[in-house]
Structure formats: C-alpha cells, structure tokens
Amino acid sequence: MTQEVMGCIEERELRHAFGMFAAGVTVVTTRTDDGVPHGATVSAFTAVSLDPPLAQVTLTRASRGARYLEAAPFAINILSVEQKDVALHFAGKVLDAEPEWTLDGNVPVLTGNAATLECRPWNIYDGGDHIIVVGEVIALDITKREPLVLFGGEFHNPGGRIEGARRDNSGDAPESDWFAGSSSFRPLHDRTPL
C-alpha cells in the first residue's frame, strides 16, 4: 500500500501540504556520553499525555541528533521569536557565535526560550524516514516570550489573539462526545475539490 500511495503523491507536494500546518519551532538538546552538547531544530513536536507527562519530537534518521537521543535525557527548547538565528544554527546554518545555553543537571538548555521541557527517555518508535522520540517531562520552565512559528517554510510570530476563540472546552474532553453526533463524513477520495 505504501508504494502505491507514494506513486500517487509527489514528495514536494506532501512537504508543501505538511508546511500548511503552522507549528512551533523547537531545538532538541542533549549531550553525548563524553559530555559534548548537541542540538537539532525540530518543528515536529507535540504533547502526548498529561498523565504521565509525555511529549514527542520527530527527527529525520539522517540527523546527528537522532543518534544521540536513544537513551539520553534531553530538553525540548520551545524557541521564542528572538531566537530565529538559533533555529537556523541548529538547522545547519552555523552562526559565528555559539548560541547561549546553560547546563541544567546533565541536560544543555538554551537561554531565551519561550518555554523549556526537560525530559528523560520514554520510548522511541519507527517513523519511516524519521524516528519518533517520546520523553517523560521531568521539569519545565515557561516564560512570557512569544513563540517562534514555522508556516509555509518561513518563520512567523504568532500574531494577535482571535476574539471568541477561547478554548475552555476544546471538544477533546472525553465527556463532550462531540464525534458521536456526526453523520456526514465521507472518505476524502469521494470529495470533490473546492
């Protein structure tokens, strides 16, 4: 099935479709066994669970960072709008000056983040040409800095709040049962283009 699907989907179009989902920008940092800090820019980050507290990042298998996360504690540095250069640095456009970081226990943490999640390894899963790394959050720090956003392959700031979009009851609460009343779903392949 995968080969059949990939024959119909162009990689460039798929990348473009994925890019239509605005995502926060993170840098995952860890240290090697000999103590050298490393980091990789990652936009594939998501919350997994509140109990236990789990978060995941997805890294391409080709990245050096993927090799270092197998059994090592790591930090998910949620970058602020002031850290665009830091994102580029850890994506391969190395800066003249190394980004500022501090060592919290044995995990390197960048300074100036919008938020930071320190994690211990939970599990690693196969994600095709990527690996899915799930960590248990053991410490966190939240600042008032605005997060950096990636959309359409470009960096953005989050912009303003949309009135009337408060998320008190988001619909994903088990008691809401919003999905049960839906009867008008059709498979995507049956839909006519808009």
Protein backbone atom coordinates (compact mmCIF):
# COMPACT_ATOMS: atom_id res chain seq x y z
CA MET A 1 0.00 0.00 0.00
CA THR A 2 2.80 2.46 0.84
CA GLN A 3 4.45 2.12 -2.58
CA GLU A 4 1.06 2.52 -4.27
CA VAL A 5 0.31 5.67 -2.26
CA MET A 6 3.77 7.16 -2.83
CA GLY A 7 3.34 6.60 -6.57
CA CYS A 8 0.38 9.00 -6.44
CA ILE A 9 1.86 11.60 -4.09
CA GLU A 10 4.79 13.81 -5.05
CA GLU A 11 7.26 14.37 -2.20
CA ARG A 12 7.35 18.13 -2.89
CA GLU A 13 3.54 18.38 -2.72
CA LEU A 14 3.47 16.38 0.50
CA ARG A 15 6.12 18.63 2.05
CA HIS A 16 4.08 21.67 0.97
CA ALA A 17 0.89 20.21 2.49
CA PHE A 18 2.70 19.46 5.76
CA GLY A 19 4.00 23.05 5.72
CA MET A 20 0.45 24.40 5.73
CA PHE A 21 0.19 23.37 9.39
CA ALA A 22 1.65 26.17 11.47
CA ALA A 23 3.99 24.70 14.07
CA GLY A 24 6.12 25.98 16.87
CA VAL A 25 9.87 25.73 16.40
CA THR A 26 11.93 23.75 18.88
CA VAL A 27 15.53 22.76 19.33
CA VAL A 28 16.10 19.40 20.98
CA THR A 29 19.30 19.41 23.01
CA THR A 30 21.23 16.60 24.67
CA ARG A 31 24.79 15.58 25.47
CA THR A 32 26.86 12.72 24.17
CA ASP A 33 28.48 10.21 26.54
CA ASP A 34 31.64 12.33 26.56
CA GLY A 35 29.66 15.43 27.64
CA VAL A 36 29.57 17.36 24.36
CA PRO A 37 26.24 19.24 23.91
CA HIS A 38 24.33 18.81 20.65
CA GLY A 39 21.08 20.19 19.29
CA ALA A 40 18.75 19.84 16.31
CA THR A 41 15.99 22.16 15.10
CA VAL A 42 12.66 20.33 15.10
CA SER A 43 9.20 21.58 14.14
CA ALA A 44 7.56 18.15 14.59
CA PHE A 45 6.78 18.43 18.31
CA THR A 46 3.59 17.60 20.14
CA ALA A 47 2.15 16.97 23.55
CA VAL A 48 1.32 13.29 24.05
CA SER A 49 -0.07 12.83 27.56
CA LEU A 50 -0.73 14.74 30.76
CA ASP A 51 -0.63 11.62 32.95
CA PRO A 52 2.11 10.58 32.69
CA PRO A 53 3.53 13.85 31.33
CA LEU A 54 4.82 12.91 27.86
CA ALA A 55 5.96 14.93 24.84
CA GLN A 56 7.30 13.82 21.49
CA VAL A 57 9.64 15.10 18.83
CA THR A 58 10.25 13.61 15.42
CA LEU A 59 13.71 13.74 13.84
CA THR A 60 14.93 12.59 10.47
CA ARG A 61 17.03 9.44 10.77
CA ALA A 62 19.81 11.22 8.88
CA SER A 63 20.25 13.87 11.61
CA ARG A 64 23.11 13.51 14.04
CA GLY A 65 20.72 14.40 16.86
CA ALA A 66 18.70 11.24 16.20
CA ARG A 67 21.72 9.12 17.14
CA TYR A 68 22.20 10.87 20.47
CA LEU A 69 18.64 10.58 21.81
CA GLU A 70 18.42 6.81 22.14
CA ALA A 71 18.90 6.65 25.91
CA ALA A 72 19.93 10.16 26.92
CA PRO A 73 17.96 12.82 28.78
CA PHE A 74 17.09 15.77 26.56
CA ALA A 75 15.44 19.18 26.54
CA ILE A 76 12.80 20.47 24.16
CA ASN A 77 13.59 24.18 23.83
CA ILE A 78 10.46 25.92 22.51
CA LEU A 79 12.04 28.88 20.74
CA SER A 80 10.96 32.49 21.08
CA VAL A 81 10.65 34.95 18.18
CA GLU A 82 14.02 36.38 19.24
CA GLN A 83 15.69 33.03 18.50
CA LYS A 84 15.31 32.80 14.72
CA ASP A 85 19.09 32.66 14.35
CA VAL A 86 19.25 29.86 16.92
CA ALA A 87 16.74 27.84 14.86
CA LEU A 88 18.84 28.38 11.73
CA HIS A 89 22.05 27.50 13.61
CA PHE A 90 20.76 24.10 14.71
CA ALA A 91 19.25 23.50 11.25
CA GLY A 92 22.73 23.68 9.72
CA LYS A 93 23.37 27.40 9.06
CA VAL A 94 26.05 27.69 11.72
CA LEU A 95 26.36 31.09 13.41
CA ASP A 96 29.65 32.84 14.06
CA ALA A 97 28.87 32.86 17.79
CA GLU A 98 27.55 29.75 19.51
CA PRO A 99 24.00 30.16 20.91
CA GLU A 100 23.87 30.72 24.65
CA TRP A 101 22.98 27.73 26.77
CA THR A 102 23.25 26.55 30.33
CA LEU A 103 23.66 23.11 31.83
CA ASP A 104 20.71 22.06 33.98
CA GLY A 105 21.85 18.85 35.64
CA ASN A 106 23.25 16.96 32.68
CA VAL A 107 20.96 18.46 30.02
CA PRO A 108 22.02 21.50 27.97
CA VAL A 109 19.24 24.12 27.83
CA LEU A 110 19.21 27.14 25.52
CA THR A 111 18.68 30.58 27.04
CA GLY A 112 15.91 32.90 25.80
CA ASN A 113 13.29 30.18 25.17
CA ALA A 114 9.54 30.74 25.26
CA ALA A 115 9.37 27.50 27.26
CA THR A 116 11.57 24.52 28.05
CA LEU A 117 10.65 20.90 28.74
CA GLU A 118 13.32 18.67 30.24
CA CYS A 119 12.70 15.01 29.53
CA ARG A 120 14.02 11.58 30.33
CA PRO A 121 13.74 8.90 27.64
CA TRP A 122 10.37 7.12 27.50
CA ASN A 123 10.36 5.32 24.14
CA ILE A 124 11.48 5.57 20.52
CA TYR A 125 9.26 4.48 17.64
CA ASP A 126 9.79 3.84 13.95
CA GLY A 127 8.51 6.72 11.85
CA GLY A 128 9.62 5.73 8.36
CA ASP A 129 12.48 8.05 7.39
CA HIS A 130 12.14 9.65 10.85
CA ILE A 131 12.26 8.45 14.43
CA ILE A 132 9.60 9.39 16.96
CA VAL A 133 11.15 10.17 20.33
CA VAL A 134 8.84 10.29 23.34
CA GLY A 135 10.15 11.75 26.57
CA GLU A 136 8.72 11.97 30.06
CA VAL A 137 8.68 15.60 31.15
CA ILE A 138 10.52 15.89 34.48
CA ALA A 139 10.95 19.68 34.65
CA LEU A 140 9.66 22.73 32.79
CA ASP A 141 10.08 26.47 32.53
CA ILE A 142 7.59 28.87 30.94
CA THR A 143 8.39 32.50 30.12
CA LYS A 144 6.36 35.40 28.76
CA ARG A 145 8.28 35.42 25.45
CA GLU A 146 6.29 34.94 22.23
CA PRO A 147 6.99 31.60 20.49
CA LEU A 148 8.57 31.32 17.05
CA VAL A 149 6.24 29.76 14.45
CA LEU A 150 7.04 27.95 11.19
CA PHE A 151 4.45 28.19 8.42
CA GLY A 152 4.93 27.55 4.71
CA GLY A 153 8.66 27.08 5.22
CA GLU A 154 9.07 30.56 6.73
CA PHE A 155 9.32 31.88 10.28
CA HIS A 156 6.43 33.89 11.73
CA ASN A 157 5.38 35.34 15.04
CA PRO A 158 2.05 34.11 16.38
CA GLY A 159 0.17 37.36 15.74
CA GLY A 160 -2.82 38.50 17.72
CA ARG A 161 -5.47 36.63 19.59
CA ILE A 162 -8.68 35.87 17.71
CA GLU A 163 -11.75 37.10 19.59
CA GLY A 164 -14.31 34.46 20.55
CA ALA A 165 -11.85 31.60 20.23
CA ARG A 166 -11.41 30.81 23.90
CA ARG A 167 -10.52 27.17 24.44
CA ASP A 168 -12.19 26.44 27.78
CA ASN A 169 -13.92 23.33 26.47
CA SER A 170 -11.91 22.32 23.45
CA GLY A 171 -14.07 19.39 22.42
CA ASP A 172 -11.34 16.84 23.07
CA ALA A 173 -12.61 16.19 26.58
CA PRO A 174 -13.96 12.62 26.91
CA GLU A 175 -17.23 13.90 28.37
CA SER A 176 -18.03 16.10 25.35
CA ASP A 177 -18.68 13.16 22.95
CA TRP A 178 -18.81 15.60 20.02
CA PHE A 179 -17.88 13.00 17.42
CA ALA A 180 -20.87 10.72 18.10
CA GLY A 181 -23.38 13.11 16.50
CA SER A 182 -21.51 13.47 13.21
CA SER A 183 -23.13 11.56 10.37
CA SER A 184 -21.99 13.48 7.29
CA PHE A 185 -18.43 12.20 6.94
CA ARG A 186 -17.32 10.87 3.57
CA PRO A 187 -13.95 9.41 2.60
CA LEU A 188 -11.54 12.04 1.28
CA HIS A 189 -11.29 10.36 -2.10
CA ASP A 190 -15.08 10.83 -2.60
CA ARG A 191 -14.93 14.59 -2.10
CA THR A 192 -15.00 16.99 -4.97
CA PRO A 193 -12.38 19.77 -4.89
CA LEU A 194 -13.49 23.14 -3.57
